[in-house]
Amino acid sequence: MLKSDLRLLYSKLRKELSFQNIADFSLRVANNSLELPIWNFDYYHLFLPITDKKEIDTSFLLSILQGRDKHVILPKMKGDDLTHFLLTDNTTLKTNQWNVPEPVDGILVESSKIDVVFVPLLAFDKQGNRVGYGKGFYDRFLKQCNKDVVKIGLSLFNAEEEIEDVFENDIPLDYCITPNKIYKF
């Protein structure tokens, strides 16, 4: 399928989920993350969900990261790019104009310092390609990271067979975690 068709389909499928479904699926995704060989790293980049778009609830994953004393990095939109802030006890979050919760300010972290990135998505395919909202924030960000950064998609749904219109600048995932399965690419 084409990215534009997948955006429409998966936005519709998300809308049909109850908030209880999302909570249950999100907890299963977080628990499945424990099966990945990623827990020896220090710096983990985590997005916070846009609840009105029924994105996966990353609070369960955040609890795991904090329970393991990992450094959690949160993104903030700045123009066409993301900046990255260390989550601390003093971090103040505010919802931006797109209803994305993000840090107001704090300790900046360079992309090159990040070991693992949990990547938001609407859909993905069996080759590790993903479909986001189409603004390219994460593709630009991932290009700034070290080449060995671990890229993990988080999805409420299973993989599509193939995304037909993958572009040269699209950065594929290393893994994608769903409530029922972990995909390795």
C-alpha atoms as a PDB file:
ATOM      1  CA  MET A   1       0.000   0.000   0.000  1.00  0.00           C
ATOM      2  CA  LEU A   2       0.978   3.624  -0.393  1.00  0.00           C
ATOM      3  CA  LYS A   3       1.894   5.739   2.637  1.00  0.00           C
ATOM      4  CA  SER A   4      -1.095   8.052   2.131  1.00  0.00           C
ATOM      5  CA  ASP A   5      -3.494   5.075   2.110  1.00  0.00           C
ATOM      6  CA  LEU A   6      -1.826   3.576   5.177  1.00  0.00           C
ATOM      7  CA  ARG A   7      -2.128   6.885   7.057  1.00  0.00           C
ATOM      8  CA  LEU A   8      -5.860   6.959   6.409  1.00  0.00           C
ATOM      9  CA  LEU A   9      -6.384   3.278   7.230  1.00  0.00           C
ATOM     10  CA  TYR A  10      -4.394   3.227  10.477  1.00  0.00           C
ATOM     11  CA  SER A  11      -5.778   6.560  11.690  1.00  0.00           C
ATOM     12  CA  LYS A  12      -9.252   5.033  11.240  1.00  0.00           C
ATOM     13  CA  LEU A  13      -8.256   1.773  12.973  1.00  0.00           C
ATOM     14  CA  ARG A  14      -6.858   3.730  15.932  1.00  0.00           C
ATOM     15  CA  LYS A  15     -10.059   5.762  16.257  1.00  0.00           C
ATOM     16  CA  GLU A  16     -11.996   2.517  16.591  1.00  0.00           C
ATOM     17  CA  LEU A  17      -9.935   1.430  19.618  1.00  0.00           C
ATOM     18  CA  SER A  18     -11.185   2.181  23.100  1.00  0.00           C
ATOM     19  CA  PHE A  19      -8.838   3.847  25.570  1.00  0.00           C
ATOM     20  CA  GLN A  20      -8.913   0.587  27.540  1.00  0.00           C
ATOM     21  CA  ASN A  21      -7.717  -1.292  24.408  1.00  0.00           C
ATOM     22  CA  ILE A  22      -4.890   1.201  24.006  1.00  0.00           C
ATOM     23  CA  ALA A  23      -3.866   0.831  27.657  1.00  0.00           C
ATOM     24  CA  ASP A  24      -3.920  -2.982  27.432  1.00  0.00           C
ATOM     25  CA  PHE A  25      -1.994  -3.056  24.142  1.00  0.00           C
ATOM     26  CA  SER A  26       0.509  -0.465  25.393  1.00  0.00           C
ATOM     27  CA  LEU A  27       1.248  -2.516  28.514  1.00  0.00           C
ATOM     28  CA  ARG A  28       1.827  -5.606  26.371  1.00  0.00           C
ATOM     29  CA  VAL A  29       4.191  -3.645  24.104  1.00  0.00           C
ATOM     30  CA  ALA A  30       6.152  -2.425  27.140  1.00  0.00           C
ATOM     31  CA  ASN A  31       6.379  -5.957  28.549  1.00  0.00           C
ATOM     32  CA  ASN A  32       7.498  -7.287  25.150  1.00  0.00           C
ATOM     33  CA  SER A  33      10.300  -4.700  25.110  1.00  0.00           C
ATOM     34  CA  LEU A  34      11.947  -6.636  27.933  1.00  0.00           C
ATOM     35  CA  GLU A  35      12.713  -9.416  25.424  1.00  0.00           C
ATOM     36  CA  LEU A  36      14.969  -7.164  23.316  1.00  0.00           C
ATOM     37  CA  PRO A  37      18.774  -7.098  23.734  1.00  0.00           C
ATOM     38  CA  ILE A  38      18.801  -3.354  24.489  1.00  0.00           C
ATOM     39  CA  TRP A  39      19.041  -3.071  28.242  1.00  0.00           C
ATOM     40  CA  ASN A  40      22.808  -2.570  28.541  1.00  0.00           C
ATOM     41  CA  PHE A  41      22.612   0.954  27.051  1.00  0.00           C
ATOM     42  CA  ASP A  42      22.316   4.255  28.932  1.00  0.00           C
ATOM     43  CA  TYR A  43      20.456   6.832  26.789  1.00  0.00           C
ATOM     44  CA  TYR A  44      16.923   6.057  25.562  1.00  0.00           C
ATOM     45  CA  HIS A  45      14.894   8.465  23.446  1.00  0.00           C
ATOM     46  CA  LEU A  46      11.153   8.155  24.105  1.00  0.00           C
ATOM     47  CA  PHE A  47       8.221  10.018  22.583  1.00  0.00           C
ATOM     48  CA  LEU A  48       5.183  10.950  24.650  1.00  0.00           C
ATOM     49  CA  PRO A  49       1.813  10.093  23.091  1.00  0.00           C
ATOM     50  CA  ILE A  50      -0.702  12.380  21.465  1.00  0.00           C
ATOM     51  CA  THR A  51      -3.728  11.007  23.296  1.00  0.00           C
ATOM     52  CA  ASP A  52      -6.351  12.494  20.975  1.00  0.00           C
ATOM     53  CA  LYS A  53      -4.697  10.596  18.073  1.00  0.00           C
ATOM     54  CA  LYS A  54      -4.860   7.437  20.197  1.00  0.00           C
ATOM     55  CA  GLU A  55      -1.120   6.845  20.032  1.00  0.00           C
ATOM     56  CA  ILE A  56       0.462   4.058  22.028  1.00  0.00           C
ATOM     57  CA  ASP A  57       0.777   4.974  25.719  1.00  0.00           C
ATOM     58  CA  THR A  58       4.509   5.081  26.425  1.00  0.00           C
ATOM     59  CA  SER A  59       4.083   5.630  30.188  1.00  0.00           C
ATOM     60  CA  PHE A  60       4.537   1.878  30.806  1.00  0.00           C
ATOM     61  CA  LEU A  61       7.803   1.885  28.881  1.00  0.00           C
ATOM     62  CA  LEU A  62       8.867   5.027  30.734  1.00  0.00           C
ATOM     63  CA  SER A  63       8.300   3.219  34.050  1.00  0.00           C
ATOM     64  CA  ILE A  64      10.516   0.344  32.899  1.00  0.00           C
ATOM     65  CA  LEU A  65      13.269   2.741  31.812  1.00  0.00           C
ATOM     66  CA  GLN A  66      13.135   4.689  35.071  1.00  0.00           C
ATOM     67  CA  GLY A  67      13.033   1.468  37.100  1.00  0.00           C
ATOM     68  CA  ARG A  68      16.261   0.421  35.413  1.00  0.00           C
ATOM     69  CA  ASP A  69      17.881   3.832  36.080  1.00  0.00           C
ATOM     70  CA  LYS A  70      18.201   4.676  32.395  1.00  0.00           C
ATOM     71  CA  HIS A  71      18.629   8.215  31.060  1.00  0.00           C
ATOM     72  CA  VAL A  72      15.389   9.097  29.287  1.00  0.00           C
ATOM     73  CA  ILE A  73      15.519  11.702  26.532  1.00  0.00           C
ATOM     74  CA  LEU A  74      12.350  13.469  25.364  1.00  0.00           C
ATOM     75  CA  PRO A  75      11.924  15.262  22.025  1.00  0.00           C
ATOM     76  CA  LYS A  76      10.745  18.810  21.491  1.00  0.00           C
ATOM     77  CA  MET A  77       9.721  20.167  18.102  1.00  0.00           C
ATOM     78  CA  LYS A  78      11.698  23.200  17.000  1.00  0.00           C
ATOM     79  CA  GLY A  79      10.889  24.372  13.488  1.00  0.00           C
ATOM     80  CA  ASP A  80      11.295  21.340  11.225  1.00  0.00           C
ATOM     81  CA  ASP A  81      13.589  19.497  13.625  1.00  0.00           C
ATOM     82  CA  LEU A  82      13.584  17.872  17.027  1.00  0.00           C
ATOM     83  CA  THR A  83      15.668  18.967  19.981  1.00  0.00           C
ATOM     84  CA  HIS A  84      16.246  16.522  22.820  1.00  0.00           C
ATOM     85  CA  PHE A  85      16.073  17.025  26.587  1.00  0.00           C
ATOM     86  CA  LEU A  86      17.012  14.794  29.497  1.00  0.00           C
ATOM     87  CA  LEU A  87      13.971  13.899  31.596  1.00  0.00           C
ATOM     88  CA  THR A  88      14.608  14.878  35.222  1.00  0.00           C
ATOM     89  CA  ASP A  89      12.477  15.411  38.325  1.00  0.00           C
ATOM     90  CA  ASN A  90      12.397  19.115  37.379  1.00  0.00           C
ATOM     91  CA  THR A  91      11.248  18.641  33.788  1.00  0.00           C
ATOM     92  CA  THR A  92       8.072  20.573  33.019  1.00  0.00           C
ATOM     93  CA  LEU A  93       5.945  19.221  30.183  1.00  0.00           C
ATOM     94  CA  LYS A  94       3.635  21.312  28.032  1.00  0.00           C
ATOM     95  CA  THR A  95       1.448  20.339  25.099  1.00  0.00           C
ATOM     96  CA  ASN A  96       2.430  22.107  21.869  1.00  0.00           C
ATOM     97  CA  GLN A  97       0.129  23.320  19.077  1.00  0.00           C
ATOM     98  CA  TRP A  98      -0.199  19.759  17.675  1.00  0.00           C
ATOM     99  CA  ASN A  99      -1.074  18.355  21.139  1.00  0.00           C
ATOM    100  CA  VAL A 100       2.352  16.744  21.477  1.00  0.00           C
ATOM    101  CA  PRO A 101       3.526  16.702  25.109  1.00  0.00           C
ATOM    102  CA  GLU A 102       7.101  17.966  25.244  1.00  0.00           C
ATOM    103  CA  PRO A 103       9.589  19.446  27.715  1.00  0.00           C
ATOM    104  CA  VAL A 104       9.508  23.221  28.131  1.00  0.00           C
ATOM    105  CA  ASP A 105      13.293  23.335  28.567  1.00  0.00           C
ATOM    106  CA  GLY A 106      16.031  21.514  30.430  1.00  0.00           C
ATOM    107  CA  ILE A 107      19.318  19.761  29.807  1.00  0.00           C
ATOM    108  CA  LEU A 108      19.962  19.423  26.066  1.00  0.00           C
ATOM    109  CA  VAL A 109      21.287  16.082  24.824  1.00  0.00           C
ATOM    110  CA  GLU A 110      23.053  15.701  21.483  1.00  0.00           C
ATOM    111  CA  SER A 111      21.639  13.125  19.060  1.00  0.00           C
ATOM    112  CA  SER A 112      25.015  11.396  18.927  1.00  0.00           C
ATOM    113  CA  LYS A 113      24.753  10.501  22.624  1.00  0.00           C
ATOM    114  CA  ILE A 114      21.502   8.539  22.228  1.00  0.00           C
ATOM    115  CA  ASP A 115      21.776   4.729  22.164  1.00  0.00           C
ATOM    116  CA  VAL A 116      18.159   3.627  21.595  1.00  0.00           C
ATOM    117  CA  VAL A 117      15.273   5.485  19.924  1.00  0.00           C
ATOM    118  CA  PHE A 118      11.669   4.408  20.376  1.00  0.00           C
ATOM    119  CA  VAL A 119      10.046   5.622  17.171  1.00  0.00           C
ATOM    120  CA  PRO A 120       6.377   6.589  16.796  1.00  0.00           C
ATOM    121  CA  LEU A 121       4.527   5.354  13.735  1.00  0.00           C
ATOM    122  CA  LEU A 122       1.137   4.784  12.189  1.00  0.00           C
ATOM    123  CA  ALA A 123       2.094   1.658  10.234  1.00  0.00           C
ATOM    124  CA  PHE A 124       5.152  -0.392   9.259  1.00  0.00           C
ATOM    125  CA  ASP A 125       6.027  -3.208   6.900  1.00  0.00           C
ATOM    126  CA  LYS A 126       7.878  -6.506   7.146  1.00  0.00           C
ATOM    127  CA  GLN A 127      11.085  -4.867   5.874  1.00  0.00           C
ATOM    128  CA  GLY A 128      11.208  -2.342   8.745  1.00  0.00           C
ATOM    129  CA  ASN A 129       9.929   0.664   6.813  1.00  0.00           C
ATOM    130  CA  ARG A 130       7.534   2.928   8.694  1.00  0.00           C
ATOM    131  CA  VAL A 131       4.821   5.460   8.035  1.00  0.00           C
ATOM    132  CA  GLY A 132       4.522   8.448  10.337  1.00  0.00           C
ATOM    133  CA  TYR A 133       2.454  11.577   9.927  1.00  0.00           C
ATOM    134  CA  GLY A 134       4.529  12.644   6.921  1.00  0.00           C
ATOM    135  CA  LYS A 135       6.493  15.584   8.322  1.00  0.00           C
ATOM    136  CA  GLY A 136       9.853  13.754   8.409  1.00  0.00           C
ATOM    137  CA  PHE A 137      10.830  14.735  11.978  1.00  0.00           C
ATOM    138  CA  TYR A 138      12.109  11.293  12.910  1.00  0.00           C
ATOM    139  CA  ASP A 139      13.892  10.595   9.607  1.00  0.00           C
ATOM    140  CA  ARG A 140      15.839  13.865   9.970  1.00  0.00           C
ATOM    141  CA  PHE A 141      16.564  13.110  13.635  1.00  0.00           C
ATOM    142  CA  LEU A 142      17.718   9.526  12.986  1.00  0.00           C
ATOM    143  CA  LYS A 143      20.150  10.766  10.329  1.00  0.00           C
ATOM    144  CA  GLN A 144      21.840  12.836  13.075  1.00  0.00           C
ATOM    145  CA  CYS A 145      22.264   9.818  15.375  1.00  0.00           C
ATOM    146  CA  ASN A 146      25.220   7.440  15.373  1.00  0.00           C
ATOM    147  CA  LYS A 147      24.954   4.776  12.675  1.00  0.00           C
ATOM    148  CA  ASP A 148      24.621   2.046  15.339  1.00  0.00           C
ATOM    149  CA  VAL A 149      21.702   3.645  17.210  1.00  0.00           C
ATOM    150  CA  VAL A 150      18.975   1.051  17.821  1.00  0.00           C
ATOM    151  CA  LYS A 151      15.683   2.120  16.195  1.00  0.00           C
ATOM    152  CA  ILE A 152      12.572   0.517  17.672  1.00  0.00           C
ATOM    153  CA  GLY A 153       9.076   1.178  16.377  1.00  0.00           C
ATOM    154  CA  LEU A 154       6.109   0.876  18.717  1.00  0.00           C
ATOM    155  CA  SER A 155       2.856  -0.212  17.097  1.00  0.00           C
ATOM    156  CA  LEU A 156      -0.638  -1.154  18.190  1.00  0.00           C
ATOM    157  CA  PHE A 157      -1.003  -3.241  15.006  1.00  0.00           C
ATOM    158  CA  ASN A 158       0.945  -5.898  13.104  1.00  0.00           C
ATOM    159  CA  ALA A 159       3.085  -5.305  10.014  1.00  0.00           C
ATOM    160  CA  GLU A 160       1.835  -4.642   6.513  1.00  0.00           C
ATOM    161  CA  GLU A 161       3.382  -6.773   3.799  1.00  0.00           C
ATOM    162  CA  GLU A 162       5.025  -3.823   2.011  1.00  0.00           C
ATOM    163  CA  ILE A 163       5.003  -0.035   1.894  1.00  0.00           C
ATOM    164  CA  GLU A 164       5.206   0.673  -1.823  1.00  0.00           C
ATOM    165  CA  ASP A 165       6.500   4.239  -1.823  1.00  0.00           C
ATOM    166  CA  VAL A 166       9.588   4.070   0.404  1.00  0.00           C
ATOM    167  CA  PHE A 167      11.921   6.992  -0.263  1.00  0.00           C
ATOM    168  CA  GLU A 168      15.703   7.187  -0.213  1.00  0.00           C
ATOM    169  CA  ASN A 169      15.645   9.390   2.923  1.00  0.00           C
ATOM    170  CA  ASP A 170      13.406   7.014   4.893  1.00  0.00           C
ATOM    171  CA  ILE A 171      15.289   5.377   7.756  1.00  0.00           C
ATOM    172  CA  PRO A 172      14.234   1.752   8.426  1.00  0.00           C
ATOM    173  CA  LEU A 173      13.721   0.324  11.905  1.00  0.00           C
ATOM    174  CA  ASP A 174      15.811  -2.366  13.583  1.00  0.00           C
ATOM    175  CA  TYR A 175      12.831  -3.717  15.535  1.00  0.00           C
ATOM    176  CA  CYS A 176       9.128  -3.068  15.914  1.00  0.00           C
ATOM    177  CA  ILE A 177       7.209  -4.115  19.010  1.00  0.00           C
ATOM    178  CA  THR A 178       3.494  -4.874  18.812  1.00  0.00           C
ATOM    179  CA  PRO A 179       1.197  -6.260  21.510  1.00  0.00           C
ATOM    180  CA  ASN A 180       1.550  -9.764  20.026  1.00  0.00           C
ATOM    181  CA  LYS A 181       4.966  -9.911  18.409  1.00  0.00           C
ATOM    182  CA  ILE A 182       8.443  -8.440  18.091  1.00  0.00           C
ATOM    183  CA  TYR A 183       9.625  -7.910  14.522  1.00  0.00           C
ATOM    184  CA  LYS A 184      13.393  -7.924  13.881  1.00  0.00           C
ATOM    185  CA  PHE A 185      14.653  -6.432  10.625  1.00  0.00           C
END
